[in-house]
């Protein structure tokens, strides 16, 4: 598991805890509000831990992925420019041939 997925894991575990603890209760609205508040509390705790206490970011992974994607885009654009320059040369040769063939 990637280090930046721990926040999601905390959120998911909080949701599972709320689902199990609220099983077979009588009052629907009270249970729904309680579940929502517990999920929001778990999300806030997970967010606070991942940003303030133990910040783990996808810095290197994200940087490497973006750099790889930009390199692929640059390679594609270079290939496109090569193809366009070949096409321009072919059009110039064809136009010169047509000019020479039609006196």
PDB file of N, CA and C in Angstrom:
ATOM      1  N   UNK A   1       0.849  -1.176   0.000  1.00  0.00           N
ATOM      2  CA  UNK A   1       0.000   0.000   0.000  1.00  0.00           C
ATOM      3  C   UNK A   1       0.894   1.238   0.000  1.00  0.00           C
ATOM      4  N   UNK A   2       0.518   2.206  -0.802  1.00  0.00           N
ATOM      5  CA  UNK A   2       1.277   3.455  -0.879  1.00  0.00           C
ATOM      6  C   UNK A   2       1.105   4.239   0.416  1.00  0.00           C
ATOM      7  N   UNK A   3       2.120   5.011   0.810  1.00  0.00           N
ATOM      8  CA  UNK A   3       2.053   5.748   2.080  1.00  0.00           C
ATOM      9  C   UNK A   3       0.920   6.761   2.136  1.00  0.00           C
ATOM     10  N   UNK A   4       0.524   7.325   1.014  1.00  0.00           N
ATOM     11  CA  UNK A   4      -0.517   8.352   1.047  1.00  0.00           C
ATOM     12  C   UNK A   4      -1.921   7.771   1.051  1.00  0.00           C
ATOM     13  N   UNK A   5      -2.054   6.448   1.117  1.00  0.00           N
ATOM     14  CA  UNK A   5      -3.373   5.827   1.191  1.00  0.00           C
ATOM     15  C   UNK A   5      -3.822   5.587   2.635  1.00  0.00           C
ATOM     16  N   UNK A   6      -2.998   5.942   3.617  1.00  0.00           N
ATOM     17  CA  UNK A   6      -3.368   5.714   5.004  1.00  0.00           C
ATOM     18  C   UNK A   6      -4.565   6.561   5.430  1.00  0.00           C
ATOM     19  N   UNK A   7      -4.695   7.757   4.901  1.00  0.00           N
ATOM     20  CA  UNK A   7      -5.850   8.591   5.216  1.00  0.00           C
ATOM     21  C   UNK A   7      -7.139   7.927   4.792  1.00  0.00           C
ATOM     22  N   UNK A   8      -7.134   7.340   3.601  1.00  0.00           N
ATOM     23  CA  UNK A   8      -8.320   6.628   3.133  1.00  0.00           C
ATOM     24  C   UNK A   8      -8.598   5.417   4.015  1.00  0.00           C
ATOM     25  N   UNK A   9      -7.550   4.741   4.447  1.00  0.00           N
ATOM     26  CA  UNK A   9      -7.729   3.582   5.312  1.00  0.00           C
ATOM     27  C   UNK A   9      -8.367   3.983   6.641  1.00  0.00           C
ATOM     28  N   UNK A  10      -7.933   5.094   7.218  1.00  0.00           N
ATOM     29  CA  UNK A  10      -8.532   5.573   8.472  1.00  0.00           C
ATOM     30  C   UNK A  10     -10.001   5.904   8.247  1.00  0.00           C
ATOM     31  N   UNK A  11     -10.305   6.571   7.141  1.00  0.00           N
ATOM     32  CA  UNK A  11     -11.692   6.906   6.826  1.00  0.00           C
ATOM     33  C   UNK A  11     -12.534   5.642   6.670  1.00  0.00           C
ATOM     34  N   UNK A  12     -12.007   4.655   5.966  1.00  0.00           N
ATOM     35  CA  UNK A  12     -12.743   3.421   5.733  1.00  0.00           C
ATOM     36  C   UNK A  12     -12.950   2.635   7.027  1.00  0.00           C
ATOM     37  N   UNK A  13     -11.924   2.597   7.879  1.00  0.00           N
ATOM     38  CA  UNK A  13     -12.079   1.901   9.157  1.00  0.00           C
ATOM     39  C   UNK A  13     -13.103   2.590  10.054  1.00  0.00           C
ATOM     40  N   UNK A  14     -13.126   3.914  10.016  1.00  0.00           N
ATOM     41  CA  UNK A  14     -14.129   4.646  10.790  1.00  0.00           C
ATOM     42  C   UNK A  14     -15.529   4.323  10.282  1.00  0.00           C
ATOM     43  N   UNK A  15     -15.693   4.275   8.970  1.00  0.00           N
ATOM     44  CA  UNK A  15     -16.993   3.935   8.394  1.00  0.00           C
ATOM     45  C   UNK A  15     -17.422   2.531   8.819  1.00  0.00           C
ATOM     46  N   UNK A  16     -16.498   1.580   8.769  1.00  0.00           N
ATOM     47  CA  UNK A  16     -16.831   0.211   9.175  1.00  0.00           C
ATOM     48  C   UNK A  16     -17.200   0.147  10.656  1.00  0.00           C
ATOM     49  N   UNK A  17     -16.489   0.888  11.478  1.00  0.00           N
ATOM     50  CA  UNK A  17     -16.798   0.921  12.910  1.00  0.00           C
ATOM     51  C   UNK A  17     -18.207   1.466  13.147  1.00  0.00           C
ATOM     52  N   UNK A  18     -18.561   2.508  12.440  1.00  0.00           N
ATOM     53  CA  UNK A  18     -19.883   3.114  12.606  1.00  0.00           C
ATOM     54  C   UNK A  18     -20.965   2.157  12.113  1.00  0.00           C
ATOM     55  N   UNK A  19     -20.704   1.465  11.011  1.00  0.00           N
ATOM     56  CA  UNK A  19     -21.693   0.520  10.491  1.00  0.00           C
ATOM     57  C   UNK A  19     -21.950  -0.609  11.486  1.00  0.00           C
ATOM     58  N   UNK A  20     -20.892  -1.123  12.104  1.00  0.00           N
ATOM     59  CA  UNK A  20     -21.054  -2.228  13.037  1.00  0.00           C
ATOM     60  C   UNK A  20     -21.698  -1.753  14.331  1.00  0.00           C
ATOM     61  N   UNK A  21     -21.296  -0.580  14.802  1.00  0.00           N
ATOM     62  CA  UNK A  21     -21.831  -0.104  16.078  1.00  0.00           C
ATOM     63  C   UNK A  21     -23.286   0.326  15.977  1.00  0.00           C
ATOM     64  N   UNK A  22     -23.743   0.721  14.806  1.00  0.00           N
ATOM     65  CA  UNK A  22     -25.109   1.188  14.657  1.00  0.00           C
ATOM     66  C   UNK A  22     -26.068   0.133  14.166  1.00  0.00           C
ATOM     67  N   UNK A  23     -25.646  -1.104  14.165  1.00  0.00           N
ATOM     68  CA  UNK A  23     -26.491  -2.182  13.659  1.00  0.00           C
ATOM     69  C   UNK A  23     -27.664  -2.457  14.604  1.00  0.00           C
ATOM     70  N   UNK A  24     -28.851  -2.530  14.056  1.00  0.00           N
ATOM     71  CA  UNK A  24     -30.095  -2.848  14.777  1.00  0.00           C
ATOM     72  C   UNK A  24     -30.453  -1.815  15.852  1.00  0.00           C
ATOM     73  N   UNK A  25     -30.365  -0.573  15.508  1.00  0.00           N
ATOM     74  CA  UNK A  25     -30.847   0.457  16.440  1.00  0.00           C
ATOM     75  C   UNK A  25     -32.251   0.851  16.018  1.00  0.00           C
ATOM     76  N   UNK A  26     -33.005   1.399  16.955  1.00  0.00           N
ATOM     77  CA  UNK A  26     -34.409   1.689  16.701  1.00  0.00           C
ATOM     78  C   UNK A  26     -34.653   2.988  15.960  1.00  0.00           C
ATOM     79  N   UNK A  27     -33.994   4.071  16.314  1.00  0.00           N
ATOM     80  CA  UNK A  27     -34.264   5.380  15.741  1.00  0.00           C
ATOM     81  C   UNK A  27     -33.380   5.609  14.510  1.00  0.00           C
ATOM     82  N   UNK A  28     -34.029   5.701  13.344  1.00  0.00           N
ATOM     83  CA  UNK A  28     -33.285   5.813  12.092  1.00  0.00           C
ATOM     84  C   UNK A  28     -32.543   7.138  11.962  1.00  0.00           C
ATOM     85  N   UNK A  29     -33.214   8.262  12.209  1.00  0.00           N
ATOM     86  CA  UNK A  29     -32.580   9.574  12.027  1.00  0.00           C
ATOM     87  C   UNK A  29     -31.424   9.780  12.996  1.00  0.00           C
ATOM     88  N   UNK A  30     -31.606   9.380  14.225  1.00  0.00           N
ATOM     89  CA  UNK A  30     -30.525   9.520  15.204  1.00  0.00           C
ATOM     90  C   UNK A  30     -29.310   8.688  14.787  1.00  0.00           C
ATOM     91  N   UNK A  31     -29.565   7.490  14.292  1.00  0.00           N
ATOM     92  CA  UNK A  31     -28.474   6.630  13.835  1.00  0.00           C
ATOM     93  C   UNK A  31     -27.787   7.225  12.611  1.00  0.00           C
ATOM     94  N   UNK A  32     -28.573   7.762  11.678  1.00  0.00           N
ATOM     95  CA  UNK A  32     -27.996   8.349  10.473  1.00  0.00           C
ATOM     96  C   UNK A  32     -27.129   9.559  10.808  1.00  0.00           C
ATOM     97  N   UNK A  33     -27.619  10.431  11.688  1.00  0.00           N
ATOM     98  CA  UNK A  33     -26.837  11.611  12.084  1.00  0.00           C
ATOM     99  C   UNK A  33     -25.592  11.184  12.840  1.00  0.00           C
ATOM    100  N   UNK A  34     -25.732  10.229  13.711  1.00  0.00           N
ATOM    101  CA  UNK A  34     -24.583   9.726  14.469  1.00  0.00           C
ATOM    102  C   UNK A  34     -23.530   9.131  13.539  1.00  0.00           C
ATOM    103  N   UNK A  35     -23.970   8.363  12.559  1.00  0.00           N
ATOM    104  CA  UNK A  35     -23.035   7.774  11.596  1.00  0.00           C
ATOM    105  C   UNK A  35     -22.333   8.857  10.785  1.00  0.00           C
ATOM    106  N   UNK A  36     -23.095   9.838  10.330  1.00  0.00           N
ATOM    107  CA  UNK A  36     -22.490  10.915   9.543  1.00  0.00           C
ATOM    108  C   UNK A  36     -21.447  11.671  10.358  1.00  0.00           C
ATOM    109  N   UNK A  37     -21.772  11.966  11.613  1.00  0.00           N
ATOM    110  CA  UNK A  37     -20.819  12.690  12.464  1.00  0.00           C
ATOM    111  C   UNK A  37     -19.570  11.859  12.755  1.00  0.00           C
ATOM    112  N   UNK A  38     -19.742  10.574  12.957  1.00  0.00           N
ATOM    113  CA  UNK A  38     -18.580   9.712  13.194  1.00  0.00           C
ATOM    114  C   UNK A  38     -17.698   9.612  11.961  1.00  0.00           C
ATOM    115  N   UNK A  39     -18.310   9.538  10.792  1.00  0.00           N
ATOM    116  CA  UNK A  39     -17.536   9.493   9.549  1.00  0.00           C
ATOM    117  C   UNK A  39     -16.807  10.809   9.338  1.00  0.00           C
ATOM    118  N   UNK A  40     -17.484  11.926   9.577  1.00  0.00           N
ATOM    119  CA  UNK A  40     -16.838  13.235   9.436  1.00  0.00           C
ATOM    120  C   UNK A  40     -15.698  13.387  10.433  1.00  0.00           C
ATOM    121  N   UNK A  41     -15.895  12.915  11.663  1.00  0.00           N
ATOM    122  CA  UNK A  41     -14.843  12.967  12.668  1.00  0.00           C
ATOM    123  C   UNK A  41     -13.638  12.128  12.247  1.00  0.00           C
ATOM    124  N   UNK A  42     -13.886  10.936  11.748  1.00  0.00           N
ATOM    125  CA  UNK A  42     -12.794  10.079  11.269  1.00  0.00           C
ATOM    126  C   UNK A  42     -12.052  10.693  10.102  1.00  0.00           C
ATOM    127  N   UNK A  43     -12.790  11.311   9.171  1.00  0.00           N
ATOM    128  CA  UNK A  43     -12.146  11.963   8.034  1.00  0.00           C
ATOM    129  C   UNK A  43     -11.299  13.139   8.502  1.00  0.00           C
ATOM    130  N   UNK A  44     -11.806  13.921   9.457  1.00  0.00           N
ATOM    131  CA  UNK A  44     -11.046  15.063   9.976  1.00  0.00           C
ATOM    132  C   UNK A  44      -9.781  14.606  10.702  1.00  0.00           C
ATOM    133  N   UNK A  45      -9.915  13.541  11.500  1.00  0.00           N
ATOM    134  CA  UNK A  45      -8.748  13.013  12.205  1.00  0.00           C
ATOM    135  C   UNK A  45      -7.716  12.501  11.202  1.00  0.00           C
ATOM    136  N   UNK A  46      -8.164  11.758  10.210  1.00  0.00           N
ATOM    137  CA  UNK A  46      -7.241  11.259   9.185  1.00  0.00           C
ATOM    138  C   UNK A  46      -6.566  12.385   8.433  1.00  0.00           C
ATOM    139  N   UNK A  47      -7.316  13.418   8.086  1.00  0.00           N
ATOM    140  CA  UNK A  47      -6.751  14.560   7.376  1.00  0.00           C
ATOM    141  C   UNK A  47      -5.764  15.319   8.246  1.00  0.00           C
ATOM    142  N   UNK A  48      -6.111  15.505   9.518  1.00  0.00           N
ATOM    143  CA  UNK A  48      -5.210  16.222  10.425  1.00  0.00           C
ATOM    144  C   UNK A  48      -3.916  15.454  10.649  1.00  0.00           C
ATOM    145  N   UNK A  49      -4.024  14.155  10.811  1.00  0.00           N
ATOM    146  CA  UNK A  49      -2.817  13.340  11.019  1.00  0.00           C
ATOM    147  C   UNK A  49      -1.939  13.367   9.779  1.00  0.00           C
ATOM    148  N   UNK A  50      -2.536  13.242   8.593  1.00  0.00           N
ATOM    149  CA  UNK A  50      -1.746  13.195   7.362  1.00  0.00           C
ATOM    150  C   UNK A  50      -1.191  14.547   6.950  1.00  0.00           C
ATOM    151  N   UNK A  51      -1.741  15.635   7.443  1.00  0.00           N
ATOM    152  CA  UNK A  51      -1.211  16.944   7.069  1.00  0.00           C
ATOM    153  C   UNK A  51      -0.361  17.583   8.141  1.00  0.00           C
ATOM    154  N   UNK A  52      -0.690  17.373   9.404  1.00  0.00           N
ATOM    155  CA  UNK A  52       0.017  18.079  10.481  1.00  0.00           C
ATOM    156  C   UNK A  52       0.981  17.193  11.258  1.00  0.00           C
ATOM    157  N   UNK A  53       0.537  16.054  11.704  1.00  0.00           N
ATOM    158  CA  UNK A  53       1.339  15.238  12.605  1.00  0.00           C
ATOM    159  C   UNK A  53       2.355  14.388  11.848  1.00  0.00           C
ATOM    160  N   UNK A  54       1.917  13.667  10.849  1.00  0.00           N
ATOM    161  CA  UNK A  54       2.800  12.776  10.100  1.00  0.00           C
ATOM    162  C   UNK A  54       2.540  12.971   8.608  1.00  0.00           C
ATOM    163  N   UNK A  55       3.053  14.078   8.055  1.00  0.00           N
ATOM    164  CA  UNK A  55       2.739  14.361   6.651  1.00  0.00           C
ATOM    165  C   UNK A  55       3.461  13.417   5.699  1.00  0.00           C
ATOM    166  N   UNK A  56       2.679  12.688   4.959  1.00  0.00           N
ATOM    167  CA  UNK A  56       3.213  11.801   3.927  1.00  0.00           C
ATOM    168  C   UNK A  56       2.581  12.242   2.612  1.00  0.00           C
ATOM    169  N   UNK A  57       3.394  12.686   1.699  1.00  0.00           N
ATOM    170  CA  UNK A  57       2.886  13.149   0.422  1.00  0.00           C
ATOM    171  C   UNK A  57       3.371  12.225  -0.676  1.00  0.00           C
ATOM    172  N   UNK A  58       2.744  12.320  -1.791  1.00  0.00           N
ATOM    173  CA  UNK A  58       3.115  11.512  -2.945  1.00  0.00           C
ATOM    174  C   UNK A  58       4.168  12.240  -3.761  1.00  0.00           C
ATOM    175  N   UNK A  59       5.032  13.008  -3.130  1.00  0.00           N
ATOM    176  CA  UNK A  59       5.973  13.882  -3.822  1.00  0.00           C
ATOM    177  C   UNK A  59       6.807  13.199  -4.873  1.00  0.00           C
ATOM    178  N   UNK A  60       7.586  12.199  -4.487  1.00  0.00           N
ATOM    179  CA  UNK A  60       8.476  11.556  -5.444  1.00  0.00           C
ATOM    180  C   UNK A  60       7.698  10.764  -6.485  1.00  0.00           C
ATOM    181  N   UNK A  61       6.695  10.030  -6.052  1.00  0.00           N
ATOM    182  CA  UNK A  61       5.886   9.257  -6.993  1.00  0.00           C
ATOM    183  C   UNK A  61       5.185  10.177  -7.984  1.00  0.00           C
ATOM    184  N   UNK A  62       4.584  11.228  -7.452  1.00  0.00           N
ATOM    185  CA  UNK A  62       3.874  12.173  -8.311  1.00  0.00           C
ATOM    186  C   UNK A  62       4.832  12.869  -9.268  1.00  0.00           C
ATOM    187  N   UNK A  63       5.996  13.279  -8.761  1.00  0.00           N
ATOM    188  CA  UNK A  63       6.982  13.954  -9.608  1.00  0.00           C
ATOM    189  C   UNK A  63       7.461  13.033 -10.722  1.00  0.00           C
ATOM    190  N   UNK A  64       7.771  11.789 -10.390  1.00  0.00           N
ATOM    191  CA  UNK A  64       8.239  10.840 -11.403  1.00  0.00           C
ATOM    192  C   UNK A  64       7.169  10.560 -12.454  1.00  0.00           C
ATOM    193  N   UNK A  65       5.920  10.454 -12.019  1.00  0.00           N
ATOM    194  CA  UNK A  65       4.831  10.197 -12.960  1.00  0.00           C
ATOM    195  C   UNK A  65       4.623  11.376 -13.902  1.00  0.00           C
ATOM    196  N   UNK A  66       4.638  12.593 -13.353  1.00  0.00           N
ATOM    197  CA  UNK A  66       4.460  13.781 -14.191  1.00  0.00           C
ATOM    198  C   UNK A  66       5.631  13.933 -15.164  1.00  0.00           C
ATOM    199  N   UNK A  67       6.858  13.696 -14.682  1.00  0.00           N
ATOM    200  CA  UNK A  67       8.026  13.800 -15.560  1.00  0.00           C
ATOM    201  C   UNK A  67       7.957  12.769 -16.681  1.00  0.00           C
ATOM    202  N   UNK A  68       7.541  11.551 -16.358  1.00  0.00           N
ATOM    203  CA  UNK A  68       7.408  10.503 -17.373  1.00  0.00           C
ATOM    204  C   UNK A  68       6.352  10.890 -18.409  1.00  0.00           C
ATOM    205  N   UNK A  69       5.212  11.424 -17.946  1.00  0.00           N
ATOM    206  CA  UNK A  69       4.149  11.815 -18.870  1.00  0.00           C
ATOM    207  C   UNK A  69       4.592  12.962 -19.765  1.00  0.00           C
ATOM    208  N   UNK A  70       5.320  13.941 -19.192  1.00  0.00           N
ATOM    209  CA  UNK A  70       5.814  15.032 -20.022  1.00  0.00           C
ATOM    210  C   UNK A  70       6.830  14.534 -21.043  1.00  0.00           C
ATOM    211  N   UNK A  71       7.660  13.576 -20.662  1.00  0.00           N
ATOM    212  CA  UNK A  71       8.623  13.006 -21.606  1.00  0.00           C
ATOM    213  C   UNK A  71       7.893  12.299 -22.741  1.00  0.00           C
ATOM    214  N   UNK A  72       6.811  11.574 -22.416  1.00  0.00           N
ATOM    215  CA  UNK A  72       6.028  10.903 -23.459  1.00  0.00           C
ATOM    216  C   UNK A  72       5.352  11.910 -24.383  1.00  0.00           C
ATOM    217  N   UNK A  73       4.847  12.988 -23.828  1.00  0.00           N
ATOM    218  CA  UNK A  73       4.230  14.033 -24.658  1.00  0.00           C
ATOM    219  C   UNK A  73       5.276  14.672 -25.569  1.00  0.00           C
ATOM    220  N   UNK A  74       6.459  14.937 -25.024  1.00  0.00           N
ATOM    221  CA  UNK A  74       7.528  15.537 -25.830  1.00  0.00           C
ATOM    222  C   UNK A  74       7.940  14.605 -26.961  1.00  0.00           C
ATOM    223  N   UNK A  75       8.040  13.310 -26.678  1.00  0.00           N
ATOM    224  CA  UNK A  75       8.389  12.339 -27.719  1.00  0.00           C
ATOM    225  C   UNK A  75       7.324  12.305 -28.812  1.00  0.00           C
ATOM    226  N   UNK A  76       6.074  12.342 -28.410  1.00  0.00           N
ATOM    227  CA  UNK A  76       4.983  12.343 -29.392  1.00  0.00           C
ATOM    228  C   UNK A  76       5.017  13.595 -30.255  1.00  0.00           C
ATOM    229  N   UNK A  77       5.248  14.743 -29.633  1.00  0.00           N
ATOM    230  CA  UNK A  77       5.306  15.991 -30.404  1.00  0.00           C
ATOM    231  C   UNK A  77       6.497  16.003 -31.351  1.00  0.00           C
ATOM    232  N   UNK A  78       7.630  15.457 -30.927  1.00  0.00           N
ATOM    233  CA  UNK A  78       8.788  15.385 -31.819  1.00  0.00           C
ATOM    234  C   UNK A  78       8.488  14.504 -33.025  1.00  0.00           C
ATOM    235  N   UNK A  79       7.836  13.368 -32.786  1.00  0.00           N
ATOM    236  CA  UNK A  79       7.448  12.497 -33.893  1.00  0.00           C
ATOM    237  C   UNK A  79       6.475  13.178 -34.837  1.00  0.00           C
ATOM    238  N   UNK A  80       5.537  13.927 -34.278  1.00  0.00           N
ATOM    239  CA  UNK A  80       4.580  14.658 -35.101  1.00  0.00           C
ATOM    240  C   UNK A  80       5.277  15.714 -35.951  1.00  0.00           C
ATOM    241  N   UNK A  81       6.204  16.437 -35.352  1.00  0.00           N
ATOM    242  CA  UNK A  81       6.929  17.460 -36.104  1.00  0.00           C
ATOM    243  C   UNK A  81       7.784  16.850 -37.202  1.00  0.00           C
ATOM    244  N   UNK A  82       8.399  15.693 -36.924  1.00  0.00           N
ATOM    245  CA  UNK A  82       9.167  15.010 -37.967  1.00  0.00           C
ATOM    246  C   UNK A  82       8.260  14.604 -39.122  1.00  0.00           C
ATOM    247  N   UNK A  83       7.090  14.073 -38.795  1.00  0.00           N
ATOM    248  CA  UNK A  83       6.144  13.666 -39.837  1.00  0.00           C
ATOM    249  C   UNK A  83       5.680  14.867 -40.649  1.00  0.00           C
ATOM    250  N   UNK A  84       5.420  15.981 -39.967  1.00  0.00           N
ATOM    251  CA  UNK A  84       4.979  17.173 -40.686  1.00  0.00           C
ATOM    252  C   UNK A  84       6.078  17.726 -41.588  1.00  0.00           C
ATOM    253  N   UNK A  85       7.323  17.683 -41.117  1.00  0.00           N
ATOM    254  CA  UNK A  85       8.409  18.183 -41.957  1.00  0.00           C
ATOM    255  C   UNK A  85       8.601  17.283 -43.174  1.00  0.00           C
ATOM    256  N   UNK A  86       8.451  15.957 -43.014  1.00  0.00           N
ATOM    257  CA  UNK A  86       8.525  15.048 -44.162  1.00  0.00           C
ATOM    258  C   UNK A  86       7.391  15.326 -45.138  1.00  0.00           C
ATOM    259  N   UNK A  87       6.201  15.582 -44.594  1.00  0.00           N
ATOM    260  CA  UNK A  87       5.046  15.874 -45.438  1.00  0.00           C
ATOM    261  C   UNK A  87       5.257  17.172 -46.209  1.00  0.00           C
ATOM    262  N   UNK A  88       5.823  18.181 -45.557  1.00  0.00           N
ATOM    263  CA  UNK A  88       6.103  19.445 -46.247  1.00  0.00           C
ATOM    264  C   UNK A  88       7.099  19.240 -47.375  1.00  0.00           C
ATOM    265  N   UNK A  89       8.141  18.448 -47.121  1.00  0.00           N
ATOM    266  CA  UNK A  89       9.124  18.178 -48.193  1.00  0.00           C
ATOM    267  C   UNK A  89       8.483  17.438 -49.348  1.00  0.00           C
ATOM    268  N   UNK A  90       7.588  16.491 -49.046  1.00  0.00           N
ATOM    269  CA  UNK A  90       6.903  15.763 -50.118  1.00  0.00           C
ATOM    270  C   UNK A  90       6.013  16.700 -50.927  1.00  0.00           C
ATOM    271  N   UNK A  91       5.327  17.621 -50.264  1.00  0.00           N
ATOM    272  CA  UNK A  91       4.463  18.573 -50.961  1.00  0.00           C
ATOM    273  C   UNK A  91       5.312  19.496 -51.841  1.00  0.00           C
ATOM    274  N   UNK A  92       6.459  19.942 -51.336  1.00  0.00           N
ATOM    275  CA  UNK A  92       7.343  20.800 -52.135  1.00  0.00           C
ATOM    276  C   UNK A  92       7.856  20.055 -53.358  1.00  0.00           C
ATOM    277  N   UNK A  93       8.269  18.793 -53.203  1.00  0.00           N
ATOM    278  CA  UNK A  93       8.745  18.006 -54.335  1.00  0.00           C
ATOM    279  C   UNK A  93       7.634  17.792 -55.347  1.00  0.00           C
ATOM    280  N   UNK A  94       6.428  17.506 -54.854  1.00  0.00           N
ATOM    281  CA  UNK A  94       5.293  17.293 -55.750  1.00  0.00           C
ATOM    282  C   UNK A  94       4.957  18.575 -56.501  1.00  0.00           C
ATOM    283  N   UNK A  95       4.986  19.714 -55.815  1.00  0.00           N
ATOM    284  CA  UNK A  95       4.684  20.976 -56.502  1.00  0.00           C
ATOM    285  C   UNK A  95       5.763  21.318 -57.528  1.00  0.00           C
ATOM    286  N   UNK A  96       7.035  21.050 -57.199  1.00  0.00           N
ATOM    287  CA  UNK A  96       8.104  21.278 -58.187  1.00  0.00           C
ATOM    288  C   UNK A  96       7.950  20.339 -59.376  1.00  0.00           C
ATOM    289  N   UNK A  97       7.576  19.093 -59.130  1.00  0.00           N
ATOM    290  CA  UNK A  97       7.370  18.139 -60.214  1.00  0.00           C
ATOM    291  C   UNK A  97       6.224  18.589 -61.109  1.00  0.00           C
ATOM    292  N   UNK A  98       5.125  19.067 -60.469  1.00  0.00           N
ATOM    293  CA  UNK A  98       3.981  19.510 -61.262  1.00  0.00           C
ATOM    294  C   UNK A  98       4.323  20.749 -62.075  1.00  0.00           C
ATOM    295  N   UNK A  99       5.124  21.646 -61.517  1.00  0.00           N
ATOM    296  CA  UNK A  99       5.520  22.851 -62.246  1.00  0.00           C
ATOM    297  C   UNK A  99       6.390  22.488 -63.425  1.00  0.00           C
ATOM    298  N   UNK A 100       7.315  21.545 -63.230  1.00  0.00           N
ATOM    299  CA  UNK A 100       8.221  21.133 -64.301  1.00  0.00           C
ATOM    300  C   UNK A 100       7.491  20.358 -65.384  1.00  0.00           C
ATOM    301  N   UNK A 101       6.503  19.545 -65.031  1.00  0.00           N
ATOM    302  CA  UNK A 101       5.806  18.721 -65.992  1.00  0.00           C
ATOM    303  C   UNK A 101       4.797  19.527 -66.808  1.00  0.00           C
ATOM    304  N   UNK A 102       4.314  20.625 -66.299  1.00  0.00           N
ATOM    305  CA  UNK A 102       3.358  21.462 -67.043  1.00  0.00           C
ATOM    306  C   UNK A 102       4.060  22.724 -67.529  1.00  0.00           C
ATOM    307  N   UNK A 103       4.443  22.720 -68.816  1.00  0.00           N
ATOM    308  CA  UNK A 103       5.151  23.922 -69.321  1.00  0.00           C
ATOM    309  C   UNK A 103       4.253  25.095 -69.571  1.00  0.00           C
TER     310      UNK A 103
END
